[in-house]
Amino acid sequence: VLTLHTFGRDLKWNPHIHRLVCEEAFDTKKNKMKNYSFISYEKLRKTWMYKVLDLLSKQELENFNYLKQRFYKELVNGFYVYAKKKEKDNGDNNVDDCVNYITRYTSRPPMAENRIIK
C-alpha cells in the first residue's frame, strides 16, 4: 500500500510517501508462512532517489539535469528513507488493528482539490 502525503503532522509542505509492506506471506507449496522482513536500506534509499529523479527528469524542468547530477554527487547514500522495522511479534494478529493502521494513512487525500492545477 502506497499513500502520497504532501504535508507533515504540522501541516507544512512535506511531500512524502507512506509505504506499507507485507513482511509475511503464505507459501502454498510448503503450506507455511514465510518471512520477508529483510530490506536492504542502502538499496531502498538509492532506488528511491533514482526513481524520483527519473520521473522528474521526464517533466522537462528547467535546469533539472544540473540539479539531478548535483544530487547524485552530493547524496551518495541516496534520498532519506525512514523505514521502521517491525517490532518483535507481540501476538498482534488482529485484522481490525491491521485495517485501522492501513486506513490511518489512506484516509486523507494527498492534496486539496483547490491546489490541483493540472
C-alpha atoms as a PDB file:
ATOM      1  CA  VAL A   1       0.000   0.000   0.000  1.00  0.00           C
ATOM      2  CA  LEU A   2       1.455   3.355  -1.053  1.00  0.00           C
ATOM      3  CA  THR A   3      -0.004   6.642   0.101  1.00  0.00           C
ATOM      4  CA  LEU A   4       1.199  10.073  -1.016  1.00  0.00           C
ATOM      5  CA  HIS A   5       1.106  12.850   1.565  1.00  0.00           C
ATOM      6  CA  THR A   6       2.059  16.417   0.674  1.00  0.00           C
ATOM      7  CA  PHE A   7       2.157  17.652   4.275  1.00  0.00           C
ATOM      8  CA  GLY A   8       3.549  16.572   7.611  1.00  0.00           C
ATOM      9  CA  ARG A   9       1.945  16.439  11.039  1.00  0.00           C
ATOM     10  CA  ASP A  10       2.420  20.195  11.425  1.00  0.00           C
ATOM     11  CA  LEU A  11       0.568  20.690   8.084  1.00  0.00           C
ATOM     12  CA  LYS A  12       3.635  22.291   6.455  1.00  0.00           C
ATOM     13  CA  TRP A  13       4.699  21.307   2.927  1.00  0.00           C
ATOM     14  CA  ASN A  14       6.475  17.980   3.265  1.00  0.00           C
ATOM     15  CA  PRO A  15       5.829  15.647   0.319  1.00  0.00           C
ATOM     16  CA  HIS A  16       6.445  12.035   1.253  1.00  0.00           C
ATOM     17  CA  ILE A  17       5.129   8.545   0.693  1.00  0.00           C
ATOM     18  CA  HIS A  18       3.999   6.018   3.255  1.00  0.00           C
ATOM     19  CA  ARG A  19       4.695   2.507   2.062  1.00  0.00           C
ATOM     20  CA  LEU A  20       3.294  -0.428   3.954  1.00  0.00           C
ATOM     21  CA  VAL A  21       4.868  -3.747   3.067  1.00  0.00           C
ATOM     22  CA  CYS A  22       3.721  -7.225   3.966  1.00  0.00           C
ATOM     23  CA  GLU A  23       6.528  -8.974   5.827  1.00  0.00           C
ATOM     24  CA  GLU A  24       4.980 -12.411   5.832  1.00  0.00           C
ATOM     25  CA  ALA A  25       3.189 -14.430   3.197  1.00  0.00           C
ATOM     26  CA  PHE A  26       1.709 -17.878   2.989  1.00  0.00           C
ATOM     27  CA  ASP A  27       3.731 -20.284   0.853  1.00  0.00           C
ATOM     28  CA  THR A  28       1.144 -22.569  -0.718  1.00  0.00           C
ATOM     29  CA  LYS A  29       3.774 -25.053  -1.933  1.00  0.00           C
ATOM     30  CA  LYS A  30       5.255 -25.572   1.547  1.00  0.00           C
ATOM     31  CA  ASN A  31       1.971 -24.916   3.342  1.00  0.00           C
ATOM     32  CA  LYS A  32       3.537 -22.470   5.826  1.00  0.00           C
ATOM     33  CA  MET A  33       4.187 -18.785   6.470  1.00  0.00           C
ATOM     34  CA  LYS A  34       7.360 -17.279   5.004  1.00  0.00           C
ATOM     35  CA  ASN A  35       9.072 -14.205   6.441  1.00  0.00           C
ATOM     36  CA  TYR A  36      10.188 -11.399   4.096  1.00  0.00           C
ATOM     37  CA  SER A  37      11.267  -8.889   6.730  1.00  0.00           C
ATOM     38  CA  PHE A  38      14.794  -8.143   5.427  1.00  0.00           C
ATOM     39  CA  ILE A  39      15.093  -4.916   3.469  1.00  0.00           C
ATOM     40  CA  SER A  40      18.387  -3.520   2.233  1.00  0.00           C
ATOM     41  CA  TYR A  41      18.068   0.079   3.420  1.00  0.00           C
ATOM     42  CA  GLU A  42      21.007   1.148   1.260  1.00  0.00           C
ATOM     43  CA  LYS A  43      19.286  -0.229  -1.823  1.00  0.00           C
ATOM     44  CA  LEU A  44      15.953   1.256  -0.741  1.00  0.00           C
ATOM     45  CA  ARG A  45      17.452   4.778  -0.372  1.00  0.00           C
ATOM     46  CA  LYS A  46      19.284   4.631  -3.704  1.00  0.00           C
ATOM     47  CA  THR A  47      16.360   3.107  -5.591  1.00  0.00           C
ATOM     48  CA  TRP A  48      14.001   5.725  -4.151  1.00  0.00           C
ATOM     49  CA  MET A  49      16.351   8.501  -5.281  1.00  0.00           C
ATOM     50  CA  TYR A  50      16.749   7.011  -8.751  1.00  0.00           C
ATOM     51  CA  LYS A  51      13.008   6.545  -9.288  1.00  0.00           C
ATOM     52  CA  VAL A  52      12.068  10.045  -8.085  1.00  0.00           C
ATOM     53  CA  LEU A  53      14.775  11.731 -10.156  1.00  0.00           C
ATOM     54  CA  ASP A  54      13.946   9.615 -13.196  1.00  0.00           C
ATOM     55  CA  LEU A  55      10.265  10.576 -13.026  1.00  0.00           C
ATOM     56  CA  LEU A  56      11.106  14.245 -12.533  1.00  0.00           C
ATOM     57  CA  SER A  57      13.575  14.242 -15.441  1.00  0.00           C
ATOM     58  CA  LYS A  58      10.727  13.287 -17.777  1.00  0.00           C
ATOM     59  CA  GLN A  59       8.915  16.519 -16.870  1.00  0.00           C
ATOM     60  CA  GLU A  60      11.348  18.705 -18.852  1.00  0.00           C
ATOM     61  CA  LEU A  61      12.010  21.031 -15.936  1.00  0.00           C
ATOM     62  CA  GLU A  62      14.390  23.916 -16.495  1.00  0.00           C
ATOM     63  CA  ASN A  63      17.952  23.219 -15.242  1.00  0.00           C
ATOM     64  CA  PHE A  64      16.861  19.864 -13.848  1.00  0.00           C
ATOM     65  CA  ASN A  65      19.810  17.918 -15.290  1.00  0.00           C
ATOM     66  CA  TYR A  66      22.194  20.110 -13.305  1.00  0.00           C
ATOM     67  CA  LEU A  67      20.203  19.523 -10.122  1.00  0.00           C
ATOM     68  CA  LYS A  68      19.967  15.788 -10.800  1.00  0.00           C
ATOM     69  CA  GLN A  69      23.739  15.468 -11.231  1.00  0.00           C
ATOM     70  CA  ARG A  70      24.295  17.511  -8.086  1.00  0.00           C
ATOM     71  CA  PHE A  71      22.018  15.169  -6.099  1.00  0.00           C
ATOM     72  CA  TYR A  72      23.917  12.118  -7.317  1.00  0.00           C
ATOM     73  CA  LYS A  73      27.243  13.747  -6.459  1.00  0.00           C
ATOM     74  CA  GLU A  74      26.293  15.048  -3.004  1.00  0.00           C
ATOM     75  CA  LEU A  75      23.809  12.424  -1.805  1.00  0.00           C
ATOM     76  CA  VAL A  76      25.910   9.305  -2.292  1.00  0.00           C
ATOM     77  CA  ASN A  77      23.751   7.388   0.206  1.00  0.00           C
ATOM     78  CA  GLY A  78      20.544   8.228  -1.659  1.00  0.00           C
ATOM     79  CA  PHE A  79      17.467  10.122  -0.503  1.00  0.00           C
ATOM     80  CA  TYR A  80      16.345   9.942   3.103  1.00  0.00           C
ATOM     81  CA  VAL A  81      14.201   6.937   3.955  1.00  0.00           C
ATOM     82  CA  TYR A  82      12.654   6.255   7.331  1.00  0.00           C
ATOM     83  CA  ALA A  83      11.940   2.572   7.410  1.00  0.00           C
ATOM     84  CA  LYS A  84      10.766   1.374  10.786  1.00  0.00           C
ATOM     85  CA  LYS A  85      11.478  -2.268  11.420  1.00  0.00           C
ATOM     86  CA  LYS A  86       8.663  -4.480  12.598  1.00  0.00           C
ATOM     87  CA  GLU A  87       8.633  -4.896  16.341  1.00  0.00           C
ATOM     88  CA  LYS A  88       9.046  -8.370  17.741  1.00  0.00           C
ATOM     89  CA  ASP A  89       5.923 -10.433  17.267  1.00  0.00           C
ATOM     90  CA  ASN A  90       3.680  -9.329  20.084  1.00  0.00           C
ATOM     91  CA  GLY A  91       0.850 -11.639  19.136  1.00  0.00           C
ATOM     92  CA  ASP A  92      -0.946  -8.756  17.412  1.00  0.00           C
ATOM     93  CA  ASN A  93      -2.620 -10.607  14.577  1.00  0.00           C
ATOM     94  CA  ASN A  94      -5.903  -8.754  14.922  1.00  0.00           C
ATOM     95  CA  VAL A  95      -7.351  -7.999  11.484  1.00  0.00           C
ATOM     96  CA  ASP A  96      -9.199  -4.913  12.773  1.00  0.00           C
ATOM     97  CA  ASP A  97      -5.964  -3.396  14.116  1.00  0.00           C
ATOM     98  CA  CYS A  98      -4.247  -4.017  10.780  1.00  0.00           C
ATOM     99  CA  VAL A  99      -7.078  -2.415   8.807  1.00  0.00           C
ATOM    100  CA  ASN A 100      -7.133   0.600  11.158  1.00  0.00           C
ATOM    101  CA  TYR A 101      -3.371   1.032  10.757  1.00  0.00           C
ATOM    102  CA  ILE A 102      -3.572   0.997   6.950  1.00  0.00           C
ATOM    103  CA  THR A 103      -6.591   3.286   6.720  1.00  0.00           C
ATOM    104  CA  ARG A 104      -4.923   5.815   9.006  1.00  0.00           C
ATOM    105  CA  TYR A 105      -2.562   6.595   6.119  1.00  0.00           C
ATOM    106  CA  THR A 106      -5.108   6.343   3.327  1.00  0.00           C
ATOM    107  CA  SER A 107      -7.982   8.282   4.877  1.00  0.00           C
ATOM    108  CA  ARG A 108      -6.861  11.772   3.835  1.00  0.00           C
ATOM    109  CA  PRO A 109      -6.455  12.968   0.277  1.00  0.00           C
ATOM    110  CA  PRO A 110      -2.852  13.835  -0.624  1.00  0.00           C
ATOM    111  CA  MET A 111      -3.825  17.317  -1.784  1.00  0.00           C
ATOM    112  CA  ALA A 112      -6.790  19.620  -1.563  1.00  0.00           C
ATOM    113  CA  GLU A 113      -8.745  19.863  -4.821  1.00  0.00           C
ATOM    114  CA  ASN A 114      -8.234  23.642  -4.985  1.00  0.00           C
ATOM    115  CA  ARG A 115      -4.433  23.108  -5.180  1.00  0.00           C
ATOM    116  CA  ILE A 116      -4.608  20.847  -8.241  1.00  0.00           C
ATOM    117  CA  ILE A 117      -3.671  22.835 -11.344  1.00  0.00           C
ATOM    118  CA  LYS A 118      -3.300  20.071 -13.949  1.00  0.00           C
END
